[in-house]
N, C-alpha and C. Protein backbone atom coordinates (compact mmCIF):
# COMPACT_ATOMS: atom_id res chain seq x y z
N MET A 1 -4.19 2.13 5.55
CA MET A 1 -4.42 3.47 4.98
C MET A 1 -4.93 3.34 3.55
N HIS A 2 -4.28 2.52 2.75
CA HIS A 2 -4.68 2.33 1.35
C HIS A 2 -6.06 1.67 1.28
N ALA A 3 -6.29 0.65 2.09
CA ALA A 3 -7.57 -0.06 2.06
C ALA A 3 -8.72 0.84 2.50
N ARG A 4 -8.48 1.70 3.47
CA ARG A 4 -9.52 2.62 3.92
C ARG A 4 -9.90 3.57 2.79
N ARG A 5 -8.89 4.09 2.08
CA ARG A 5 -9.16 4.99 0.96
C ARG A 5 -9.96 4.29 -0.13
N ALA A 6 -9.75 2.99 -0.30
CA ALA A 6 -10.47 2.22 -1.31
C ALA A 6 -11.81 1.70 -0.81
N ALA A 7 -12.29 2.23 0.33
CA ALA A 7 -13.57 1.82 0.92
C ALA A 7 -13.62 0.33 1.19
N TRP A 8 -12.46 -0.23 1.57
CA TRP A 8 -12.36 -1.64 1.95
C TRP A 8 -12.73 -2.60 0.83
N ARG A 9 -12.56 -2.18 -0.42
CA ARG A 9 -12.82 -3.07 -1.56
C ARG A 9 -11.56 -3.81 -1.99
N LEU A 10 -10.40 -3.37 -1.50
CA LEU A 10 -9.12 -3.91 -1.93
C LEU A 10 -8.26 -4.26 -0.72
N VAL A 11 -7.45 -5.29 -0.88
CA VAL A 11 -6.48 -5.68 0.13
C VAL A 11 -5.10 -5.25 -0.34
N PHE A 12 -4.37 -4.57 0.52
CA PHE A 12 -3.01 -4.15 0.19
C PHE A 12 -2.04 -4.85 1.13
N ARG A 13 -0.99 -5.45 0.56
CA ARG A 13 0.01 -6.12 1.38
C ARG A 13 1.39 -5.61 1.00
N ARG A 14 2.20 -5.35 2.02
CA ARG A 14 3.55 -4.81 1.81
C ARG A 14 4.59 -5.90 2.04
N PHE A 15 5.53 -5.98 1.14
CA PHE A 15 6.67 -6.88 1.26
C PHE A 15 7.93 -6.03 1.23
N VAL A 16 8.79 -6.24 2.20
CA VAL A 16 10.02 -5.44 2.31
C VAL A 16 11.21 -6.38 2.43
N ARG A 17 12.22 -6.13 1.62
CA ARG A 17 13.45 -6.91 1.70
C ARG A 17 14.64 -5.97 1.86
N ILE A 18 15.29 -6.09 3.01
CA ILE A 18 16.53 -5.35 3.26
C ILE A 18 17.69 -6.30 2.97
N PRO A 19 18.64 -5.90 2.13
CA PRO A 19 19.74 -6.81 1.79
C PRO A 19 20.47 -7.30 3.05
N PRO A 20 20.92 -8.56 3.05
CA PRO A 20 21.62 -9.11 4.22
C PRO A 20 22.80 -8.25 4.64
N GLU A 21 23.53 -7.70 3.67
CA GLU A 21 24.70 -6.88 4.02
C GLU A 21 24.32 -5.57 4.70
N ALA A 22 23.01 -5.19 4.61
CA ALA A 22 22.54 -3.96 5.26
C ALA A 22 21.81 -4.26 6.56
N GLY A 23 21.77 -5.54 6.96
CA GLY A 23 21.15 -5.88 8.23
C GLY A 23 19.96 -6.80 8.16
N GLY A 24 19.40 -6.98 6.95
CA GLY A 24 18.30 -7.93 6.76
C GLY A 24 17.10 -7.69 7.65
N GLU A 25 16.48 -8.80 8.09
CA GLU A 25 15.25 -8.71 8.87
C GLU A 25 15.47 -7.99 10.20
N GLY A 26 16.63 -8.19 10.81
CA GLY A 26 16.92 -7.53 12.08
C GLY A 26 16.88 -6.02 11.94
N CYS A 27 17.42 -5.53 10.84
CA CYS A 27 17.41 -4.10 10.56
C CYS A 27 15.98 -3.60 10.38
N LEU A 28 15.14 -4.39 9.68
CA LEU A 28 13.75 -4.00 9.47
C LEU A 28 13.01 -3.89 10.80
N ARG A 29 13.20 -4.87 11.67
CA ARG A 29 12.54 -4.83 12.98
C ARG A 29 13.00 -3.62 13.79
N GLU A 30 14.30 -3.32 13.74
CA GLU A 30 14.84 -2.18 14.46
C GLU A 30 14.25 -0.87 13.90
N HIS A 31 14.17 -0.81 12.58
CA HIS A 31 13.62 0.39 11.95
C HIS A 31 12.16 0.60 12.33
N LEU A 32 11.35 -0.47 12.33
CA LEU A 32 9.94 -0.36 12.67
C LEU A 32 9.75 0.03 14.13
N ALA A 33 10.58 -0.51 15.01
CA ALA A 33 10.49 -0.15 16.42
C ALA A 33 10.75 1.33 16.63
N ALA A 34 11.69 1.88 15.84
CA ALA A 34 12.05 3.28 15.98
C ALA A 34 11.04 4.22 15.34
N THR A 35 10.38 3.77 14.26
CA THR A 35 9.50 4.68 13.51
C THR A 35 8.02 4.43 13.75
N HIS A 36 7.62 3.21 14.14
CA HIS A 36 6.20 2.89 14.32
C HIS A 36 5.88 2.32 15.70
N GLY A 37 6.91 2.10 16.52
CA GLY A 37 6.69 1.52 17.84
C GLY A 37 6.31 2.55 18.88
N PRO A 38 6.12 2.12 20.15
CA PRO A 38 5.72 3.03 21.23
C PRO A 38 6.69 4.18 21.44
N ALA A 39 7.97 3.96 21.13
CA ALA A 39 8.97 5.00 21.37
C ALA A 39 9.16 5.92 20.18
N ALA A 40 8.39 5.72 19.12
CA ALA A 40 8.55 6.53 17.91
C ALA A 40 8.35 8.01 18.21
N GLY A 41 9.27 8.80 17.69
CA GLY A 41 9.16 10.25 17.83
C GLY A 41 9.80 10.79 19.09
N ARG A 42 10.16 9.94 20.05
CA ARG A 42 10.79 10.43 21.27
C ARG A 42 12.25 10.78 21.01
N SER A 43 12.71 11.77 21.67
CA SER A 43 14.10 12.19 21.52
C SER A 43 15.01 11.07 21.98
N GLY A 44 15.97 10.70 21.13
CA GLY A 44 16.92 9.67 21.46
C GLY A 44 16.39 8.26 21.28
N ALA A 45 15.17 8.14 20.73
CA ALA A 45 14.58 6.81 20.56
C ALA A 45 15.34 5.98 19.55
N ALA A 46 15.96 6.64 18.57
CA ALA A 46 16.71 5.92 17.55
C ALA A 46 17.91 6.73 17.16
N ALA A 47 19.00 6.06 16.96
CA ALA A 47 20.22 6.75 16.58
C ALA A 47 20.32 6.83 15.07
N GLU A 48 21.08 7.83 14.61
CA GLU A 48 21.34 7.91 13.17
C GLU A 48 22.06 6.65 12.73
N GLY A 49 21.71 6.15 11.56
CA GLY A 49 22.38 4.96 11.07
C GLY A 49 21.51 4.22 10.09
N PRO A 50 22.03 3.18 9.44
CA PRO A 50 21.27 2.47 8.42
C PRO A 50 19.99 1.83 8.95
N CYS A 51 19.93 1.52 10.26
CA CYS A 51 18.72 0.91 10.81
C CYS A 51 17.98 1.88 11.73
N GLY A 52 18.30 3.13 11.70
CA GLY A 52 17.67 4.11 12.57
C GLY A 52 16.47 4.78 11.95
N TRP A 53 16.06 5.90 12.54
CA TRP A 53 14.83 6.58 12.14
C TRP A 53 14.98 7.33 10.84
N ASN A 54 16.21 7.46 10.34
CA ASN A 54 16.41 8.29 9.16
C ASN A 54 16.10 7.59 7.85
N GLY A 55 15.56 6.41 7.90
CA GLY A 55 15.12 5.76 6.67
C GLY A 55 15.68 4.36 6.50
N LEU A 56 15.06 3.60 5.60
CA LEU A 56 15.55 2.27 5.29
C LEU A 56 16.86 2.36 4.53
N PRO A 57 17.74 1.39 4.70
CA PRO A 57 19.06 1.46 4.06
C PRO A 57 18.99 1.33 2.55
N SER A 58 19.98 1.88 1.89
CA SER A 58 20.06 1.81 0.44
C SER A 58 20.07 0.35 -0.02
N GLY A 59 19.35 0.07 -1.10
CA GLY A 59 19.25 -1.29 -1.62
C GLY A 59 17.99 -2.01 -1.17
N THR A 60 17.28 -1.45 -0.19
CA THR A 60 16.03 -2.06 0.26
C THR A 60 14.99 -2.02 -0.87
N THR A 61 14.25 -3.11 -1.03
CA THR A 61 13.17 -3.16 -2.01
C THR A 61 11.84 -3.28 -1.26
N ALA A 62 10.88 -2.42 -1.60
CA ALA A 62 9.55 -2.47 -1.00
C ALA A 62 8.53 -2.70 -2.10
N LEU A 63 7.61 -3.62 -1.87
CA LEU A 63 6.58 -3.98 -2.84
C LEU A 63 5.21 -3.88 -2.19
N LEU A 64 4.29 -3.15 -2.82
CA LEU A 64 2.91 -3.05 -2.36
C LEU A 64 2.01 -3.71 -3.40
N LEU A 65 1.33 -4.79 -3.00
CA LEU A 65 0.44 -5.51 -3.91
C LEU A 65 -1.01 -5.17 -3.60
N GLU A 66 -1.80 -4.97 -4.64
CA GLU A 66 -3.22 -4.62 -4.51
C GLU A 66 -4.06 -5.75 -5.11
N THR A 67 -4.90 -6.37 -4.28
CA THR A 67 -5.77 -7.45 -4.74
C THR A 67 -7.21 -7.13 -4.33
N PRO A 68 -8.20 -7.58 -5.12
CA PRO A 68 -9.59 -7.20 -4.85
C PRO A 68 -10.35 -8.18 -3.97
N LEU A 69 -11.48 -7.69 -3.45
CA LEU A 69 -12.48 -8.56 -2.84
C LEU A 69 -13.54 -8.85 -3.89
N ALA A 70 -14.16 -10.01 -3.81
CA ALA A 70 -15.20 -10.38 -4.75
C ALA A 70 -16.39 -10.95 -3.99
N LEU A 71 -17.56 -10.82 -4.59
CA LEU A 71 -18.79 -11.31 -4.00
C LEU A 71 -19.18 -12.60 -4.71
N SER A 72 -19.34 -13.68 -3.96
CA SER A 72 -19.68 -14.97 -4.56
C SER A 72 -21.18 -15.08 -4.80
N ALA A 73 -21.60 -16.15 -5.48
CA ALA A 73 -23.01 -16.35 -5.79
C ALA A 73 -23.86 -16.49 -4.53
N ASP A 74 -23.24 -16.96 -3.44
CA ASP A 74 -23.99 -17.08 -2.19
C ASP A 74 -23.83 -15.84 -1.31
N VAL A 75 -23.47 -14.72 -1.93
CA VAL A 75 -23.36 -13.40 -1.29
C VAL A 75 -22.38 -13.41 -0.12
N GLU A 76 -21.23 -14.05 -0.35
CA GLU A 76 -20.15 -14.04 0.62
C GLU A 76 -18.97 -13.28 0.04
N LEU A 77 -18.28 -12.54 0.89
CA LEU A 77 -17.09 -11.81 0.46
C LEU A 77 -15.87 -12.71 0.51
N HIS A 78 -15.03 -12.59 -0.52
CA HIS A 78 -13.80 -13.38 -0.57
C HIS A 78 -12.67 -12.50 -1.11
N SER A 79 -11.49 -12.74 -0.60
CA SER A 79 -10.30 -12.11 -1.16
C SER A 79 -9.76 -13.03 -2.25
N ILE A 80 -9.54 -12.49 -3.43
CA ILE A 80 -9.08 -13.35 -4.52
C ILE A 80 -7.66 -12.96 -4.94
N PRO A 81 -6.84 -13.95 -5.34
CA PRO A 81 -5.43 -13.70 -5.67
C PRO A 81 -5.24 -13.14 -7.08
N LEU A 82 -5.87 -12.01 -7.34
CA LEU A 82 -5.76 -11.35 -8.64
C LEU A 82 -5.08 -10.01 -8.41
N VAL A 83 -3.88 -9.82 -8.92
CA VAL A 83 -3.13 -8.59 -8.69
C VAL A 83 -3.63 -7.50 -9.64
N LEU A 84 -4.17 -6.42 -9.07
CA LEU A 84 -4.64 -5.30 -9.86
C LEU A 84 -3.59 -4.21 -10.01
N ALA A 85 -2.68 -4.15 -9.05
CA ALA A 85 -1.62 -3.14 -9.14
C ALA A 85 -0.45 -3.58 -8.26
N ALA A 86 0.73 -3.12 -8.63
CA ALA A 86 1.94 -3.40 -7.86
C ALA A 86 2.81 -2.15 -7.88
N GLN A 87 3.15 -1.67 -6.69
CA GLN A 87 4.05 -0.53 -6.59
C GLN A 87 5.37 -1.03 -6.02
N VAL A 88 6.43 -0.73 -6.71
CA VAL A 88 7.76 -1.19 -6.30
C VAL A 88 8.67 0.01 -6.15
N ARG A 89 9.45 0.03 -5.09
CA ARG A 89 10.48 1.06 -4.99
C ARG A 89 11.75 0.47 -4.41
N VAL A 90 12.85 0.97 -4.90
CA VAL A 90 14.16 0.57 -4.42
C VAL A 90 14.81 1.79 -3.80
N VAL A 91 15.23 1.66 -2.54
CA VAL A 91 15.84 2.78 -1.85
C VAL A 91 17.24 3.02 -2.42
N ARG A 92 17.44 4.19 -2.95
CA ARG A 92 18.75 4.58 -3.48
C ARG A 92 18.71 6.08 -3.73
N PRO A 93 19.86 6.72 -3.88
CA PRO A 93 19.86 8.16 -4.17
C PRO A 93 19.02 8.45 -5.42
N GLY A 94 18.09 9.36 -5.30
CA GLY A 94 17.20 9.67 -6.40
C GLY A 94 15.98 8.78 -6.44
N GLY A 95 15.97 7.72 -5.66
CA GLY A 95 14.82 6.81 -5.60
C GLY A 95 14.65 6.00 -6.87
N GLY A 96 13.89 4.93 -6.77
CA GLY A 96 13.55 4.12 -7.93
C GLY A 96 12.12 3.65 -7.76
N PHE A 97 11.17 4.31 -8.43
CA PHE A 97 9.75 4.04 -8.23
C PHE A 97 9.15 3.44 -9.50
N THR A 98 8.44 2.34 -9.36
CA THR A 98 7.75 1.70 -10.48
C THR A 98 6.32 1.41 -10.07
N PHE A 99 5.36 1.78 -10.90
CA PHE A 99 3.95 1.56 -10.62
C PHE A 99 3.34 0.77 -11.77
N LEU A 100 2.94 -0.48 -11.48
CA LEU A 100 2.27 -1.33 -12.47
C LEU A 100 0.79 -1.41 -12.12
N HIS A 101 -0.09 -1.31 -13.12
CA HIS A 101 -1.52 -1.36 -12.84
C HIS A 101 -2.26 -2.03 -13.99
N VAL A 102 -3.51 -2.43 -13.70
CA VAL A 102 -4.38 -3.00 -14.72
C VAL A 102 -5.31 -1.88 -15.19
N PRO A 103 -5.13 -1.33 -16.39
CA PRO A 103 -6.00 -0.24 -16.86
C PRO A 103 -7.44 -0.71 -17.00
N ARG A 104 -8.38 0.08 -16.51
CA ARG A 104 -9.79 -0.31 -16.55
C ARG A 104 -10.29 -0.46 -17.99
N LEU A 105 -9.79 0.35 -18.88
CA LEU A 105 -10.26 0.28 -20.26
C LEU A 105 -9.90 -1.05 -20.90
N THR A 106 -8.73 -1.61 -20.54
CA THR A 106 -8.34 -2.89 -21.14
C THR A 106 -9.17 -4.04 -20.57
N VAL A 107 -9.60 -3.91 -19.29
CA VAL A 107 -10.40 -4.96 -18.67
C VAL A 107 -11.81 -4.96 -19.24
N SER A 108 -12.36 -3.76 -19.47
CA SER A 108 -13.74 -3.66 -19.94
C SER A 108 -13.86 -3.64 -21.46
N GLY A 109 -12.72 -3.61 -22.17
CA GLY A 109 -12.75 -3.53 -23.63
C GLY A 109 -13.03 -4.87 -24.27
N SER A 110 -13.05 -4.86 -25.57
CA SER A 110 -13.27 -6.08 -26.34
C SER A 110 -12.20 -6.16 -27.43
N PRO A 111 -11.36 -7.22 -27.43
CA PRO A 111 -11.31 -8.30 -26.44
C PRO A 111 -10.72 -7.82 -25.12
N ARG A 112 -11.10 -8.47 -24.03
CA ARG A 112 -10.61 -8.08 -22.72
C ARG A 112 -9.16 -8.52 -22.55
N ARG A 113 -8.39 -7.67 -21.89
CA ARG A 113 -7.00 -8.00 -21.57
C ARG A 113 -6.78 -7.74 -20.09
N LEU A 114 -6.17 -8.67 -19.43
CA LEU A 114 -5.88 -8.52 -18.01
C LEU A 114 -4.38 -8.66 -17.81
N SER A 115 -3.69 -7.55 -17.88
CA SER A 115 -2.23 -7.57 -17.75
C SER A 115 -1.78 -6.29 -17.06
N LEU A 116 -0.71 -6.41 -16.30
CA LEU A 116 -0.15 -5.26 -15.61
C LEU A 116 0.66 -4.43 -16.60
N GLU A 117 0.40 -3.13 -16.61
CA GLU A 117 1.12 -2.22 -17.48
C GLU A 117 1.75 -1.12 -16.64
N PRO A 118 2.97 -0.70 -16.98
CA PRO A 118 3.64 0.31 -16.15
C PRO A 118 3.13 1.72 -16.43
N LEU A 119 3.06 2.52 -15.36
CA LEU A 119 2.86 3.95 -15.52
C LEU A 119 4.23 4.58 -15.73
N GLY A 120 4.33 5.47 -16.69
CA GLY A 120 5.60 6.16 -16.92
C GLY A 120 5.84 7.22 -15.87
N GLU A 121 7.09 7.58 -15.65
CA GLU A 121 7.42 8.58 -14.63
C GLU A 121 6.77 9.93 -14.92
N GLN A 122 6.45 10.20 -16.18
CA GLN A 122 5.83 11.46 -16.54
C GLN A 122 4.31 11.39 -16.59
N ASP A 123 3.74 10.19 -16.37
CA ASP A 123 2.28 10.07 -16.36
C ASP A 123 1.71 10.80 -15.15
N LEU A 124 0.47 11.27 -15.28
CA LEU A 124 -0.16 12.04 -14.23
C LEU A 124 -1.04 11.15 -13.35
N VAL A 125 -0.94 11.35 -12.03
CA VAL A 125 -1.76 10.64 -11.06
C VAL A 125 -2.24 11.66 -10.03
N PRO A 126 -3.34 11.37 -9.29
CA PRO A 126 -3.79 12.30 -8.25
C PRO A 126 -2.74 12.45 -7.16
N GLN A 127 -2.47 13.68 -6.78
CA GLN A 127 -1.53 13.91 -5.69
C GLN A 127 -2.07 13.29 -4.40
N MET A 128 -1.26 12.53 -3.70
CA MET A 128 -1.66 11.83 -2.48
C MET A 128 -2.81 10.85 -2.73
N GLY A 129 -3.03 10.46 -3.99
CA GLY A 129 -4.19 9.64 -4.33
C GLY A 129 -4.13 8.23 -3.77
N SER A 130 -2.97 7.78 -3.33
CA SER A 130 -2.87 6.40 -2.85
C SER A 130 -3.53 6.20 -1.50
N VAL A 131 -3.45 7.18 -0.61
CA VAL A 131 -3.95 6.99 0.75
C VAL A 131 -5.00 8.01 1.15
N SER A 132 -5.25 9.02 0.33
CA SER A 132 -6.25 10.04 0.67
C SER A 132 -7.46 9.90 -0.24
N PRO A 133 -8.65 10.22 0.27
CA PRO A 133 -9.84 10.20 -0.59
C PRO A 133 -9.66 11.13 -1.78
N ARG A 134 -10.14 10.70 -2.94
CA ARG A 134 -10.03 11.52 -4.14
C ARG A 134 -11.27 12.39 -4.29
N PHE A 135 -11.09 13.57 -4.84
CA PHE A 135 -12.21 14.48 -5.02
C PHE A 135 -11.98 15.30 -6.27
N ASP A 136 -13.06 15.90 -6.79
CA ASP A 136 -12.96 16.74 -7.97
C ASP A 136 -12.00 17.90 -7.70
N GLY A 137 -11.14 18.14 -8.64
CA GLY A 137 -10.17 19.21 -8.48
C GLY A 137 -8.89 18.80 -7.80
N HIS A 138 -8.79 17.51 -7.42
CA HIS A 138 -7.56 17.01 -6.81
C HIS A 138 -6.42 17.22 -7.80
N PRO A 139 -5.35 17.92 -7.43
CA PRO A 139 -4.28 18.19 -8.41
C PRO A 139 -3.62 16.93 -8.92
N LEU A 140 -3.25 16.95 -10.18
CA LEU A 140 -2.52 15.83 -10.78
C LEU A 140 -1.04 16.17 -10.80
N VAL A 141 -0.22 15.19 -10.47
CA VAL A 141 1.24 15.37 -10.48
C VAL A 141 1.87 14.17 -11.18
N ARG A 142 3.13 14.29 -11.55
CA ARG A 142 3.84 13.18 -12.14
C ARG A 142 3.98 12.05 -11.12
N VAL A 143 4.09 10.83 -11.60
CA VAL A 143 4.18 9.66 -10.71
C VAL A 143 5.26 9.85 -9.66
N ARG A 144 6.45 10.22 -10.08
CA ARG A 144 7.55 10.36 -9.13
C ARG A 144 7.26 11.43 -8.09
N GLN A 145 6.60 12.51 -8.48
CA GLN A 145 6.30 13.58 -7.53
C GLN A 145 5.32 13.12 -6.47
N SER A 146 4.42 12.21 -6.82
CA SER A 146 3.46 11.70 -5.85
C SER A 146 4.12 10.75 -4.87
N CYS A 147 4.98 9.86 -5.35
CA CYS A 147 5.61 8.84 -4.50
C CYS A 147 6.46 9.46 -3.39
N VAL A 148 7.20 10.52 -3.74
CA VAL A 148 8.14 11.10 -2.77
C VAL A 148 7.43 11.82 -1.64
N LEU A 149 6.15 12.15 -1.79
CA LEU A 149 5.44 12.85 -0.73
C LEU A 149 5.40 12.03 0.55
N CYS A 150 5.20 10.72 0.41
CA CYS A 150 5.14 9.84 1.58
C CYS A 150 6.44 9.07 1.82
N HIS A 151 7.16 8.77 0.75
CA HIS A 151 8.29 7.85 0.88
C HIS A 151 9.65 8.50 0.77
N GLY A 152 9.69 9.84 0.63
CA GLY A 152 10.97 10.54 0.60
C GLY A 152 11.64 10.47 -0.76
N PRO A 153 12.59 11.38 -1.02
CA PRO A 153 13.22 11.46 -2.35
C PRO A 153 14.02 10.22 -2.72
N ASP A 154 14.48 9.45 -1.72
CA ASP A 154 15.24 8.24 -2.03
C ASP A 154 14.41 6.98 -1.83
N GLY A 155 13.11 7.13 -1.49
CA GLY A 155 12.24 5.97 -1.25
C GLY A 155 12.48 5.28 0.07
N GLY A 156 13.19 5.92 0.98
CA GLY A 156 13.61 5.28 2.22
C GLY A 156 12.60 5.25 3.34
N LYS A 157 11.45 5.92 3.18
CA LYS A 157 10.43 5.89 4.23
C LYS A 157 9.43 4.79 3.92
N LEU A 158 9.20 3.91 4.90
CA LEU A 158 8.28 2.80 4.69
C LEU A 158 6.85 3.30 4.55
N GLY A 159 6.47 4.28 5.35
CA GLY A 159 5.15 4.88 5.30
C GLY A 159 5.25 6.33 5.69
N THR A 160 4.18 6.88 6.19
CA THR A 160 4.19 8.27 6.63
C THR A 160 3.54 8.39 7.99
N SER A 161 4.03 9.30 8.81
CA SER A 161 3.44 9.57 10.12
C SER A 161 2.62 10.84 10.10
N MET A 162 2.38 11.40 8.90
CA MET A 162 1.67 12.67 8.79
C MET A 162 0.16 12.50 8.83
N MET A 163 -0.34 11.27 8.69
CA MET A 163 -1.78 11.04 8.66
C MET A 163 -2.37 11.13 10.08
N GLN A 164 -3.69 11.38 10.15
CA GLN A 164 -4.35 11.47 11.44
C GLN A 164 -4.31 10.15 12.18
N LEU A 165 -4.43 9.04 11.44
CA LEU A 165 -4.36 7.71 12.03
C LEU A 165 -3.07 7.04 11.56
N PRO A 166 -2.03 7.01 12.41
CA PRO A 166 -0.77 6.39 11.99
C PRO A 166 -0.97 4.94 11.60
N PRO A 167 -0.29 4.47 10.55
CA PRO A 167 -0.46 3.08 10.13
C PRO A 167 0.07 2.11 11.18
N ARG A 168 -0.63 0.98 11.33
CA ARG A 168 -0.16 -0.08 12.22
C ARG A 168 0.73 -1.00 11.40
N THR A 169 1.96 -1.15 11.81
CA THR A 169 2.92 -1.92 11.03
C THR A 169 3.50 -3.04 11.89
N GLU A 170 3.46 -4.25 11.38
CA GLU A 170 4.00 -5.42 12.07
C GLU A 170 4.81 -6.24 11.07
N VAL A 171 5.79 -6.99 11.57
CA VAL A 171 6.54 -7.92 10.73
C VAL A 171 5.84 -9.27 10.81
N LEU A 172 5.38 -9.76 9.66
CA LEU A 172 4.63 -11.01 9.59
C LEU A 172 5.23 -11.92 8.52
N ALA A 173 4.91 -13.21 8.61
CA ALA A 173 5.35 -14.15 7.58
C ALA A 173 4.66 -13.80 6.26
N PRO A 174 5.34 -13.97 5.12
CA PRO A 174 4.75 -13.57 3.83
C PRO A 174 3.42 -14.22 3.51
N ALA A 175 3.17 -15.44 3.99
CA ALA A 175 1.93 -16.14 3.65
C ALA A 175 0.78 -15.83 4.61
N ASN A 176 0.95 -14.84 5.50
CA ASN A 176 -0.09 -14.55 6.48
C ASN A 176 -1.34 -13.97 5.82
N THR A 177 -2.47 -14.06 6.52
CA THR A 177 -3.74 -13.51 6.03
C THR A 177 -4.28 -12.44 6.97
N VAL A 178 -3.41 -11.85 7.78
CA VAL A 178 -3.84 -10.88 8.79
C VAL A 178 -4.51 -9.67 8.16
N GLU A 179 -3.85 -9.04 7.20
CA GLU A 179 -4.42 -7.84 6.58
C GLU A 179 -5.68 -8.17 5.79
N GLU A 180 -5.67 -9.30 5.13
CA GLU A 180 -6.86 -9.76 4.40
C GLU A 180 -8.05 -9.88 5.34
N GLY A 181 -7.84 -10.46 6.51
CA GLY A 181 -8.91 -10.61 7.49
C GLY A 181 -9.41 -9.26 8.00
N ARG A 182 -8.50 -8.31 8.22
CA ARG A 182 -8.90 -6.98 8.69
C ARG A 182 -9.78 -6.28 7.67
N VAL A 183 -9.39 -6.37 6.40
CA VAL A 183 -10.15 -5.70 5.35
C VAL A 183 -11.53 -6.35 5.17
N LEU A 184 -11.57 -7.67 5.20
CA LEU A 184 -12.86 -8.36 5.09
C LEU A 184 -13.81 -7.98 6.22
N ARG A 185 -13.28 -7.90 7.45
CA ARG A 185 -14.13 -7.51 8.59
C ARG A 185 -14.65 -6.09 8.43
N ALA A 186 -13.76 -5.19 8.02
CA ALA A 186 -14.16 -3.79 7.86
C ALA A 186 -15.21 -3.64 6.78
N LYS A 187 -15.07 -4.37 5.68
CA LYS A 187 -16.04 -4.28 4.60
C LYS A 187 -17.39 -4.85 5.03
N ARG A 188 -17.38 -5.99 5.72
CA ARG A 188 -18.63 -6.60 6.16
C ARG A 188 -19.39 -5.69 7.12
N GLU A 189 -18.65 -4.87 7.89
CA GLU A 189 -19.29 -3.99 8.87
C GLU A 189 -19.69 -2.64 8.28
N SER A 190 -19.31 -2.37 7.03
CA SER A 190 -19.59 -1.06 6.43
C SER A 190 -21.06 -0.93 6.05
N GLU A 191 -21.57 0.30 6.11
CA GLU A 191 -22.98 0.54 5.77
C GLU A 191 -23.26 0.21 4.31
N SER A 192 -22.33 0.52 3.43
CA SER A 192 -22.56 0.27 2.00
C SER A 192 -22.72 -1.22 1.72
N PHE A 193 -21.91 -2.06 2.39
CA PHE A 193 -22.01 -3.49 2.15
C PHE A 193 -23.30 -4.06 2.75
N ARG A 194 -23.69 -3.55 3.90
CA ARG A 194 -24.94 -4.02 4.50
C ARG A 194 -26.14 -3.66 3.62
N ALA A 195 -26.09 -2.48 3.00
CA ALA A 195 -27.16 -2.10 2.08
C ALA A 195 -27.17 -3.01 0.86
N LEU A 196 -25.99 -3.39 0.39
CA LEU A 196 -25.89 -4.31 -0.74
C LEU A 196 -26.47 -5.67 -0.40
N LEU A 197 -26.20 -6.13 0.81
CA LEU A 197 -26.75 -7.42 1.24
C LEU A 197 -28.27 -7.40 1.24
N ARG A 198 -28.86 -6.30 1.69
CA ARG A 198 -30.33 -6.21 1.70
C ARG A 198 -30.88 -6.30 0.28
N PHE A 199 -30.16 -5.70 -0.68
CA PHE A 199 -30.59 -5.74 -2.07
C PHE A 199 -30.57 -7.17 -2.61
N PHE A 200 -29.51 -7.91 -2.29
CA PHE A 200 -29.38 -9.28 -2.79
C PHE A 200 -30.35 -10.23 -2.10
N ARG A 201 -30.67 -9.96 -0.86
CA ARG A 201 -31.49 -10.90 -0.09
C ARG A 201 -32.98 -10.63 -0.18
N GLU A 202 -33.35 -9.53 -0.83
CA GLU A 202 -34.78 -9.25 -0.99
C GLU A 202 -35.38 -10.22 -2.01
N PRO A 203 -36.63 -10.71 -1.77
CA PRO A 203 -37.25 -11.66 -2.71
C PRO A 203 -37.58 -10.99 -4.03
């Protein structure tokens, strides 16, 4: 969802840690089966409880990392390990949301600085700007007000089922390149990238 909104220029990877005392990886798999699996949404598909459909258990930490694609001198696309933004939330009453990003002005300024800086809870961001296309007149809301739209007031929702295309969620090893490969394929097949290739390959 995030990569599509970014026109496949960025790779987003989610890391989720449920504390062992709350069920650990087994709880995460159970939660995903209930909320994103074939039985999601069916009556009785999941029971109320820390690993049920009502949200991730308190103490869970979720991290979303944003890394860019780059074009090499031989006009090949590559995913590079440069973190442009990190969104962290801890599931607890009242939620705990932190958004770190690389401000464009610091990257393009002189001298250039490449460091993650936090957005304050009162800073303004586009409402639903993380997964929806941005447009002129898109309302601005406080950071916390934007996060809770998809992740709930306590941060307990891993994603949202309100979108037209529900997110595909799988449990994978942290070092996997599955999402990276999906984004690279989508970008290579996009009309904008094909037009760019024609520009670079013209004599």
